[in-house]
Amino acid sequence: MALSYKARRRWSLVILLIGLPAYIVVAVTVVNWFERPGIWVELAIYVGLGIAWALPFRAVFRGIGQADPDKKEAE
């Protein structure tokens, strides 16, 4: 079942305000468990983790910045 525009807007806020900071804390913690790699390796790890975080939520964020497609235009 596809989410409505309003539901996608609400979920995107929850994901950005709660999920993203939690994911950042987890990613930094996991990278710090190991001996700190070189700056380029560390940058590549963070870029990879950032892409890996965004891919599952691509459908939720798609079209959020646009006008509500379900809303009728006022004549």
N, C-alpha and C. Protein backbone atom coordinates (compact mmCIF):
# COMPACT_ATOMS: atom_id res chain seq x y z
N MET A 1 0.84 -1.18 0.00
CA MET A 1 0.00 0.00 0.00
C MET A 1 0.89 1.25 0.00
N ALA A 2 0.59 2.16 -0.90
CA ALA A 2 1.37 3.39 -1.02
C ALA A 2 0.92 4.39 0.04
N LEU A 3 1.88 5.15 0.53
CA LEU A 3 1.58 6.17 1.52
C LEU A 3 1.02 7.42 0.84
N SER A 4 0.11 8.09 1.52
CA SER A 4 -0.41 9.35 0.99
C SER A 4 0.66 10.42 1.12
N TYR A 5 0.40 11.55 0.48
CA TYR A 5 1.35 12.66 0.52
C TYR A 5 1.54 13.15 1.95
N LYS A 6 0.44 13.29 2.70
CA LYS A 6 0.54 13.76 4.09
C LYS A 6 1.33 12.78 4.95
N ALA A 7 1.10 11.48 4.76
CA ALA A 7 1.81 10.47 5.53
C ALA A 7 3.31 10.50 5.20
N ARG A 8 3.64 10.66 3.92
CA ARG A 8 5.05 10.74 3.54
C ARG A 8 5.71 11.97 4.14
N ARG A 9 4.99 13.11 4.19
CA ARG A 9 5.55 14.32 4.81
C ARG A 9 5.82 14.09 6.29
N ARG A 10 4.87 13.46 6.98
CA ARG A 10 5.05 13.20 8.41
C ARG A 10 6.20 12.24 8.65
N TRP A 11 6.25 11.16 7.88
CA TRP A 11 7.33 10.19 8.05
C TRP A 11 8.69 10.81 7.71
N SER A 12 8.73 11.67 6.73
CA SER A 12 10.02 12.30 6.39
C SER A 12 10.50 13.17 7.54
N LEU A 13 9.59 13.88 8.22
CA LEU A 13 10.00 14.66 9.38
C LEU A 13 10.52 13.78 10.51
N VAL A 14 9.83 12.68 10.77
CA VAL A 14 10.27 11.75 11.82
C VAL A 14 11.64 11.19 11.48
N ILE A 15 11.82 10.81 10.24
CA ILE A 15 13.10 10.24 9.81
C ILE A 15 14.22 11.26 9.95
N LEU A 16 13.97 12.51 9.53
CA LEU A 16 15.02 13.53 9.58
C LEU A 16 15.30 14.03 10.99
N LEU A 17 14.28 14.14 11.83
CA LEU A 17 14.48 14.71 13.16
C LEU A 17 14.90 13.69 14.21
N ILE A 18 14.53 12.44 14.03
CA ILE A 18 14.87 11.40 15.01
C ILE A 18 15.83 10.37 14.43
N GLY A 19 15.51 9.88 13.24
CA GLY A 19 16.30 8.82 12.64
C GLY A 19 17.69 9.22 12.21
N LEU A 20 17.82 10.37 11.57
CA LEU A 20 19.13 10.81 11.09
C LEU A 20 20.12 11.07 12.22
N PRO A 21 19.75 11.82 13.27
CA PRO A 21 20.71 12.00 14.36
C PRO A 21 21.09 10.68 15.04
N ALA A 22 20.13 9.79 15.20
CA ALA A 22 20.44 8.48 15.79
C ALA A 22 21.39 7.70 14.90
N TYR A 23 21.17 7.75 13.58
CA TYR A 23 22.05 7.05 12.65
C TYR A 23 23.46 7.64 12.67
N ILE A 24 23.57 8.95 12.80
CA ILE A 24 24.89 9.59 12.87
C ILE A 24 25.64 9.12 14.11
N VAL A 25 24.96 9.07 15.24
CA VAL A 25 25.60 8.61 16.48
C VAL A 25 26.06 7.17 16.34
N VAL A 26 25.23 6.32 15.76
CA VAL A 26 25.60 4.91 15.57
C VAL A 26 26.78 4.79 14.61
N ALA A 27 26.76 5.53 13.51
CA ALA A 27 27.85 5.45 12.53
C ALA A 27 29.18 5.90 13.13
N VAL A 28 29.17 7.00 13.86
CA VAL A 28 30.41 7.49 14.49
C VAL A 28 30.90 6.50 15.53
N THR A 29 29.99 5.93 16.30
CA THR A 29 30.37 4.95 17.32
C THR A 29 31.00 3.71 16.69
N VAL A 30 30.41 3.22 15.62
CA VAL A 30 30.94 2.02 14.96
C VAL A 30 32.32 2.30 14.37
N VAL A 31 32.50 3.46 13.74
CA VAL A 31 33.82 3.79 13.16
C VAL A 31 34.86 3.95 14.26
N ASN A 32 34.47 4.47 15.42
CA ASN A 32 35.43 4.69 16.51
C ASN A 32 35.78 3.42 17.27
N TRP A 33 35.04 2.34 17.07
CA TRP A 33 35.39 1.07 17.72
C TRP A 33 36.73 0.54 17.23
N PHE A 34 37.04 0.85 15.98
CA PHE A 34 38.27 0.37 15.37
C PHE A 34 39.33 1.47 15.45
N GLU A 35 40.57 1.07 15.20
CA GLU A 35 41.62 2.07 15.16
C GLU A 35 41.31 3.04 14.04
N ARG A 36 41.51 4.33 14.30
CA ARG A 36 41.12 5.35 13.32
C ARG A 36 41.92 5.18 12.03
N PRO A 37 41.17 5.00 10.92
CA PRO A 37 41.86 4.85 9.62
C PRO A 37 42.33 6.20 9.10
N GLY A 38 42.96 6.18 7.95
CA GLY A 38 43.40 7.42 7.31
C GLY A 38 42.20 8.29 6.97
N ILE A 39 42.46 9.57 6.74
CA ILE A 39 41.37 10.53 6.51
C ILE A 39 40.55 10.18 5.28
N TRP A 40 41.20 9.70 4.22
CA TRP A 40 40.45 9.37 2.99
C TRP A 40 39.62 8.12 3.17
N VAL A 41 40.13 7.15 3.92
CA VAL A 41 39.37 5.93 4.19
C VAL A 41 38.17 6.27 5.07
N GLU A 42 38.41 7.10 6.07
CA GLU A 42 37.32 7.51 6.96
C GLU A 42 36.25 8.29 6.19
N LEU A 43 36.67 9.18 5.31
CA LEU A 43 35.73 9.93 4.48
C LEU A 43 34.91 8.98 3.59
N ALA A 44 35.58 7.99 3.00
CA ALA A 44 34.88 7.02 2.16
C ALA A 44 33.87 6.21 2.97
N ILE A 45 34.22 5.86 4.20
CA ILE A 45 33.29 5.11 5.06
C ILE A 45 32.05 5.95 5.35
N TYR A 46 32.24 7.21 5.71
CA TYR A 46 31.10 8.07 6.02
C TYR A 46 30.24 8.36 4.79
N VAL A 47 30.86 8.54 3.64
CA VAL A 47 30.09 8.75 2.41
C VAL A 47 29.29 7.50 2.09
N GLY A 48 29.92 6.33 2.21
CA GLY A 48 29.21 5.07 1.97
C GLY A 48 28.06 4.86 2.94
N LEU A 49 28.28 5.16 4.21
CA LEU A 49 27.21 5.03 5.20
C LEU A 49 26.09 6.03 4.94
N GLY A 50 26.43 7.22 4.46
CA GLY A 50 25.40 8.21 4.14
C GLY A 50 24.54 7.79 2.98
N ILE A 51 25.14 7.20 1.97
CA ILE A 51 24.37 6.69 0.84
C ILE A 51 23.54 5.49 1.26
N ALA A 52 24.12 4.61 2.06
CA ALA A 52 23.39 3.43 2.54
C ALA A 52 22.19 3.83 3.39
N TRP A 53 22.29 4.94 4.11
CA TRP A 53 21.17 5.41 4.93
C TRP A 53 20.05 5.96 4.07
N ALA A 54 20.39 6.66 3.01
CA ALA A 54 19.40 7.36 2.20
C ALA A 54 18.63 6.44 1.26
N LEU A 55 19.24 5.39 0.78
CA LEU A 55 18.58 4.54 -0.22
C LEU A 55 17.27 3.92 0.24
N PRO A 56 17.16 3.38 1.44
CA PRO A 56 15.87 2.77 1.82
C PRO A 56 14.73 3.78 1.95
N PHE A 57 15.04 5.04 2.18
CA PHE A 57 14.01 6.05 2.39
C PHE A 57 13.75 6.91 1.16
N ARG A 58 14.29 6.51 0.04
CA ARG A 58 14.14 7.28 -1.19
C ARG A 58 12.68 7.47 -1.57
N ALA A 59 11.87 6.44 -1.41
CA ALA A 59 10.45 6.53 -1.77
C ALA A 59 9.70 7.48 -0.84
N VAL A 60 10.11 7.55 0.42
CA VAL A 60 9.43 8.44 1.37
C VAL A 60 9.72 9.90 1.03
N PHE A 61 10.95 10.21 0.65
CA PHE A 61 11.34 11.60 0.41
C PHE A 61 11.00 12.09 -1.00
N ARG A 62 10.68 11.21 -1.90
CA ARG A 62 10.43 11.59 -3.29
C ARG A 62 9.18 12.49 -3.38
N GLY A 63 9.35 13.69 -3.91
CA GLY A 63 8.24 14.59 -4.16
C GLY A 63 7.75 15.38 -2.96
N ILE A 64 8.45 15.32 -1.83
CA ILE A 64 8.00 16.01 -0.62
C ILE A 64 8.07 17.53 -0.79
N GLY A 65 9.01 18.03 -1.54
CA GLY A 65 9.15 19.47 -1.73
C GLY A 65 8.17 20.06 -2.72
N GLN A 66 7.41 19.23 -3.39
CA GLN A 66 6.44 19.69 -4.38
C GLN A 66 5.10 19.98 -3.71
N ALA A 67 4.21 20.59 -4.46
CA ALA A 67 2.85 20.83 -3.96
C ALA A 67 2.12 19.50 -3.84
N ASP A 68 1.13 19.46 -2.95
CA ASP A 68 0.36 18.24 -2.71
C ASP A 68 -0.37 17.83 -3.98
N PRO A 69 -0.05 16.68 -4.56
CA PRO A 69 -0.70 16.27 -5.80
C PRO A 69 -2.16 15.83 -5.57
N ASP A 70 -2.54 15.50 -4.35
CA ASP A 70 -3.89 15.05 -4.06
C ASP A 70 -4.85 16.22 -3.82
N LYS A 71 -4.30 17.39 -3.56
CA LYS A 71 -5.12 18.55 -3.24
C LYS A 71 -5.72 19.13 -4.52
N LYS A 72 -6.99 19.41 -4.47
CA LYS A 72 -7.68 20.00 -5.65
C LYS A 72 -7.29 21.47 -5.77
N GLU A 73 -7.11 21.91 -6.98
CA GLU A 73 -6.77 23.31 -7.23
C GLU A 73 -8.01 24.17 -7.02
N ALA A 74 -7.86 25.27 -6.30
CA ALA A 74 -8.97 26.20 -6.10
C ALA A 74 -9.20 26.98 -7.40
N GLU A 75 -10.44 27.03 -7.80
CA GLU A 75 -10.75 27.72 -9.07
C GLU A 75 -11.19 29.12 -8.82
